[in-house]
């Protein structure tokens, strides 16, 4: 009999691998280094501001080739080709997976997508979606042209969250604090977040339930931008979390598999 998806704590496995993978790249990153490069970027293309228009649902369209739960999604896709579809779809922001082992991404994808956006004189901000543990990854995101980083609250202790937030602030990058449980929300709120994403997928077991958004959003302060992540498989799912208070949705797998990502994005945004 086939066993269900690995019940071990998958996030723990991924984080252990990420620390091993990153070891050879770690170096000291000075505050001056981050602030100097960050000041050159200015406040343009703010990830936070792209999601903060509460008159309509914002869409973060994700470039994701595979995942531990879904397996292969679109492993041969060009990140730039997918970004072109998302720009044509009027997505408000892009999320680019840069983890290779588990998600099939590359840091080079982030560089290429941001170069493509600039070459078309667009101002859509990008999120570096990875398992962040060290300021060197913040520096890499900044150098590649990203405007935000992901902080998975469950995977980081308070000192790591503080260090990464301080690095992001110096770099003029926004932080998307990702939570899944009430305890993680309390932990995130201690760091004065401006954006909180509720991941409807339990990263320890990869089980997805939109009720997670419906349960946690009422507990998040009104001034915080609220993002519902994972499980947005149909436009109706976006409408459901919008009714629960979502300012934005992060949608990856469904858009990557869609034959009409432009239509999918427009339909999510048009129902108010």
Protein backbone atom coordinates (compact mmCIF):
# COMPACT_ATOMS: atom_id res chain seq x y z
CA UNK A 1 0.00 0.00 0.00
CA UNK A 2 1.37 3.38 -1.00
CA UNK A 3 2.15 5.61 1.96
CA UNK A 4 0.71 9.16 2.03
CA UNK A 5 2.96 12.13 1.38
CA UNK A 6 5.96 11.98 3.73
CA UNK A 7 4.67 12.70 7.22
CA UNK A 8 8.07 13.77 8.51
CA UNK A 9 8.57 17.48 9.03
CA UNK A 10 9.44 18.45 5.46
CA UNK A 11 10.25 22.02 6.40
CA UNK A 12 12.91 20.82 8.83
CA UNK A 13 14.46 18.74 6.06
CA UNK A 14 14.43 21.66 3.63
CA UNK A 15 15.93 24.09 6.13
CA UNK A 16 18.72 21.64 7.01
CA UNK A 17 19.56 21.33 3.32
CA UNK A 18 19.40 25.11 2.82
CA UNK A 19 21.91 25.71 5.62
CA UNK A 20 24.24 23.15 4.07
CA UNK A 21 23.79 24.59 0.57
CA UNK A 22 24.40 28.15 1.71
CA UNK A 23 27.48 27.42 3.83
CA UNK A 24 30.00 28.05 1.05
CA UNK A 25 28.38 31.40 0.11
CA UNK A 26 28.12 32.90 3.58
CA UNK A 27 30.28 35.94 4.21
CA UNK A 28 29.97 38.99 6.45
CA UNK A 29 27.51 41.55 5.06
CA UNK A 30 28.00 45.03 6.51
CA UNK A 31 25.15 47.46 7.18
CA UNK A 32 26.90 49.99 4.96
CA UNK A 33 27.00 47.55 2.07
CA UNK A 34 23.27 46.91 2.29
CA UNK A 35 22.24 50.53 2.81
CA UNK A 36 24.48 51.86 0.03
CA UNK A 37 23.02 49.53 -2.58
CA UNK A 38 19.52 49.83 -1.13
CA UNK A 39 19.58 53.63 -1.35
CA UNK A 40 20.29 53.39 -5.07
CA UNK A 41 17.06 51.43 -5.52
CA UNK A 42 15.03 54.06 -3.65
CA UNK A 43 11.36 53.44 -2.91
CA UNK A 44 10.36 52.65 -6.49
CA UNK A 45 8.57 49.39 -7.18
CA UNK A 46 7.57 48.93 -3.53
CA UNK A 47 6.23 45.43 -2.98
CA UNK A 48 4.11 46.63 -0.08
CA UNK A 49 2.55 49.46 -2.07
CA UNK A 50 1.76 47.14 -4.98
CA UNK A 51 -0.47 45.10 -2.65
CA UNK A 52 -1.94 47.88 -0.55
CA UNK A 53 -4.66 49.04 -2.96
CA UNK A 54 -7.62 47.78 -0.99
CA UNK A 55 -10.17 48.74 -3.65
CA UNK A 56 -9.40 45.51 -5.48
CA UNK A 57 -7.70 42.18 -4.89
CA UNK A 58 -4.01 42.21 -5.76
CA UNK A 59 -2.40 39.18 -7.37
CA UNK A 60 1.16 37.96 -6.76
CA UNK A 61 1.83 35.61 -9.68
CA UNK A 62 4.48 33.01 -8.93
CA UNK A 63 7.09 31.34 -11.12
CA UNK A 64 7.44 27.82 -9.74
CA UNK A 65 8.65 24.82 -11.76
CA UNK A 66 8.07 22.09 -9.17
CA UNK A 67 7.34 21.57 -5.49
CA UNK A 68 7.64 18.80 -2.90
CA UNK A 69 3.86 18.41 -2.74
CA UNK A 70 2.93 18.78 -6.42
CA UNK A 71 6.05 17.28 -8.01
CA UNK A 72 6.82 18.51 -11.52
CA UNK A 73 4.67 21.46 -12.59
CA UNK A 74 6.45 23.06 -15.54
CA UNK A 75 10.12 22.20 -15.20
CA UNK A 76 11.11 23.28 -18.72
CA UNK A 77 9.45 26.69 -18.60
CA UNK A 78 11.51 29.84 -19.12
CA UNK A 79 11.19 32.22 -16.19
CA UNK A 80 11.14 35.15 -18.61
CA UNK A 81 8.39 33.60 -20.76
CA UNK A 82 6.27 33.06 -17.67
CA UNK A 83 6.98 36.59 -16.47
CA UNK A 84 5.83 37.90 -19.86
CA UNK A 85 2.49 36.14 -19.41
CA UNK A 86 2.11 37.58 -15.94
CA UNK A 87 2.91 41.11 -17.08
CA UNK A 88 0.34 40.75 -19.86
CA UNK A 89 -2.12 39.55 -17.22
CA UNK A 90 -1.64 42.75 -15.18
CA UNK A 91 -0.38 40.88 -12.13
CA UNK A 92 0.48 43.31 -9.33
CA UNK A 93 3.71 41.57 -8.28
CA UNK A 94 5.75 38.49 -9.16
CA UNK A 95 7.12 35.81 -6.86
CA UNK A 96 10.21 34.01 -8.15
CA UNK A 97 11.31 30.73 -6.57
CA UNK A 98 15.10 30.64 -6.35
CA UNK A 99 15.48 27.30 -4.53
CA UNK A 100 16.81 24.68 -6.94
CA UNK A 101 16.65 21.36 -5.08
CA UNK A 102 12.99 21.43 -4.06
CA UNK A 103 11.42 23.99 -6.41
CA UNK A 104 13.55 23.94 -9.57
CA UNK A 105 14.45 27.63 -9.34
CA UNK A 106 17.67 29.57 -9.75
CA UNK A 107 18.90 32.92 -8.48
CA UNK A 108 19.56 33.64 -12.14
CA UNK A 109 15.79 33.47 -12.73
CA UNK A 110 15.37 36.48 -10.46
CA UNK A 111 18.04 38.44 -12.33
CA UNK A 112 16.50 37.59 -15.71
CA UNK A 113 12.94 38.39 -14.66
CA UNK A 114 13.91 41.76 -13.21
CA UNK A 115 16.01 42.59 -16.29
CA UNK A 116 13.00 41.70 -18.45
CA UNK A 117 10.69 43.92 -16.39
CA UNK A 118 13.10 46.85 -16.65
CA UNK A 119 13.61 46.36 -20.37
CA UNK A 120 9.84 46.72 -20.86
CA UNK A 121 9.76 49.82 -18.64
CA UNK A 122 7.40 48.21 -16.18
CA UNK A 123 7.36 48.77 -12.44
CA UNK A 124 6.08 45.41 -11.17
CA UNK A 125 8.01 44.41 -8.01
CA UNK A 126 9.37 40.94 -7.40
CA UNK A 127 9.59 38.81 -4.28
CA UNK A 128 12.55 36.50 -3.79
CA UNK A 129 10.84 33.28 -2.66
CA UNK A 130 13.36 31.11 -0.88
CA UNK A 131 14.25 29.78 2.55
CA UNK A 132 15.99 32.80 4.03
CA UNK A 133 18.46 32.27 6.86
CA UNK A 134 21.32 34.78 6.40
CA UNK A 135 21.81 38.42 5.29
CA UNK A 136 23.85 37.24 2.30
CA UNK A 137 20.56 36.07 0.77
CA UNK A 138 19.12 39.55 1.34
CA UNK A 139 22.13 40.99 -0.47
CA UNK A 140 21.65 38.54 -3.34
CA UNK A 141 17.98 39.49 -3.62
CA UNK A 142 18.86 43.18 -3.68
CA UNK A 143 21.59 42.73 -6.28
CA UNK A 144 19.18 40.78 -8.49
CA UNK A 145 16.65 43.61 -8.37
CA UNK A 146 14.10 42.11 -5.99
CA UNK A 147 11.96 44.38 -3.82
CA UNK A 148 10.99 41.88 -1.11
CA UNK A 149 12.03 38.72 0.66
CA UNK A 150 10.09 35.89 2.29
CA UNK A 151 10.49 35.16 6.00
CA UNK A 152 8.99 31.81 7.03
CA UNK A 153 8.21 32.44 10.69
CA UNK A 154 8.00 28.75 11.60
CA UNK A 155 11.49 28.12 10.24
CA UNK A 156 13.31 30.95 12.03
CA UNK A 157 13.95 31.89 15.64
CA UNK A 158 13.44 35.44 16.92
CA UNK A 159 17.10 36.37 16.55
CA UNK A 160 17.13 35.21 12.93
CA UNK A 161 13.92 37.10 12.19
CA UNK A 162 15.39 40.24 13.75
CA UNK A 163 18.66 39.93 11.83
CA UNK A 164 16.94 39.35 8.49
CA UNK A 165 14.45 42.18 9.06
CA UNK A 166 17.25 44.59 9.94
CA UNK A 167 19.14 43.57 6.80
CA UNK A 168 16.00 44.01 4.68
CA UNK A 169 15.31 47.45 6.17
CA UNK A 170 18.86 48.56 5.38
CA UNK A 171 18.46 47.21 1.86
CA UNK A 172 15.13 49.01 1.41
CA UNK A 173 13.36 45.69 0.85
CA UNK A 174 9.96 44.66 2.18
CA UNK A 175 9.42 41.46 4.18
CA UNK A 176 6.56 39.06 3.67
CA UNK A 177 6.14 37.25 7.00
CA UNK A 178 4.64 33.83 6.30
CA UNK A 179 2.61 32.12 9.00
CA UNK A 180 0.34 29.09 9.33
CA UNK A 181 -0.66 29.00 13.02
CA UNK A 182 -1.80 31.39 15.74
CA UNK A 183 1.49 30.97 17.60
CA UNK A 184 3.40 32.01 14.49
CA UNK A 185 1.20 35.09 14.11
CA UNK A 186 2.03 36.16 17.66
CA UNK A 187 5.72 35.61 16.93
CA UNK A 188 5.51 37.64 13.70
CA UNK A 189 3.64 40.54 15.30
CA UNK A 190 6.54 41.05 17.71
CA UNK A 191 8.57 42.21 14.69
CA UNK A 192 6.09 44.89 13.56
CA UNK A 193 5.34 43.38 10.13
CA UNK A 194 3.78 45.41 7.34
CA UNK A 195 2.83 42.35 5.26
CA UNK A 196 1.68 38.98 6.58
CA UNK A 197 1.02 35.99 4.37
CA UNK A 198 -1.10 33.13 5.63
CA UNK A 199 0.11 29.95 4.00
CA UNK A 200 -2.89 27.66 3.67
CA UNK A 201 -0.46 24.76 3.24
CA UNK A 202 1.02 23.18 6.32
CA UNK A 203 4.71 23.00 5.41
CA UNK A 204 5.33 20.14 7.79
CA UNK A 205 2.82 17.85 6.05
CA UNK A 206 1.88 19.75 2.84
CA UNK A 207 -1.84 19.61 3.55
CA UNK A 208 -3.77 22.65 2.22
CA UNK A 209 -6.95 24.21 3.62
CA UNK A 210 -8.36 27.68 2.85
CA UNK A 211 -9.99 27.70 6.27
CA UNK A 212 -6.53 28.60 7.58
CA UNK A 213 -6.91 32.05 5.99
CA UNK A 214 -10.46 32.40 7.28
CA UNK A 215 -9.33 31.51 10.81
CA UNK A 216 -6.25 33.73 11.02
CA UNK A 217 -7.11 36.87 9.06
CA UNK A 218 -9.46 38.27 11.75
CA UNK A 219 -6.56 38.11 14.21
CA UNK A 220 -4.25 40.28 12.06
CA UNK A 221 -4.28 44.06 12.67
CA UNK A 222 -6.19 46.06 10.05
CA UNK A 223 -3.17 48.12 9.00
CA UNK A 224 -1.18 45.03 7.98
CA UNK A 225 -1.44 43.96 4.33
CA UNK A 226 -2.90 40.43 4.28
CA UNK A 227 -1.89 37.84 1.69
CA UNK A 228 -3.48 34.41 1.27
CA UNK A 229 -0.97 31.88 -0.08
CA UNK A 230 -1.40 28.38 -1.53
CA UNK A 231 -4.59 26.59 -2.46
CA UNK A 232 -5.74 29.24 -4.94
CA UNK A 233 -6.63 26.71 -7.62
CA UNK A 234 -9.67 28.43 -9.15
CA UNK A 235 -10.84 32.06 -9.31
CA UNK A 236 -13.54 31.07 -6.81
CA UNK A 237 -10.79 30.35 -4.26
CA UNK A 238 -9.49 33.90 -4.67
CA UNK A 239 -13.00 35.28 -4.21
CA UNK A 240 -13.40 33.18 -1.06
CA UNK A 241 -10.26 34.50 0.63
CA UNK A 242 -11.08 38.03 -0.56
CA UNK A 243 -14.36 37.72 1.35
CA UNK A 244 -12.29 36.72 4.38
CA UNK A 245 -10.25 39.93 4.16
CA UNK A 246 -7.40 39.21 1.75
CA UNK A 247 -5.70 42.23 0.22
CA UNK A 248 -3.77 39.91 -2.08
CA UNK A 249 -3.38 36.30 -3.13
CA UNK A 250 -0.18 34.49 -4.04
CA UNK A 251 -0.90 31.98 -6.80
CA UNK A 252 1.68 29.68 -8.36
CA UNK A 253 0.80 26.13 -9.33
CA UNK A 254 -2.58 26.93 -10.89
CA UNK A 255 -1.13 29.76 -12.98
CA UNK A 256 1.85 27.66 -14.05
CA UNK A 257 -0.49 24.90 -15.24
CA UNK A 258 -3.07 27.22 -16.81
CA UNK A 259 -3.38 27.47 -20.58
CA UNK A 260 -4.68 31.03 -20.07
CA UNK A 261 -2.88 32.64 -17.12
CA UNK A 262 -3.94 36.09 -18.30
CA UNK A 263 -7.61 35.15 -18.15
CA UNK A 264 -7.10 33.45 -14.79
CA UNK A 265 -5.57 36.58 -13.23
CA UNK A 266 -8.20 38.87 -14.69
CA UNK A 267 -11.01 36.68 -13.40
CA UNK A 268 -9.54 36.62 -9.88
CA UNK A 269 -9.32 40.42 -9.86
CA UNK A 270 -12.65 41.26 -11.49
CA UNK A 271 -15.01 39.73 -8.91
CA UNK A 272 -15.50 42.24 -6.08
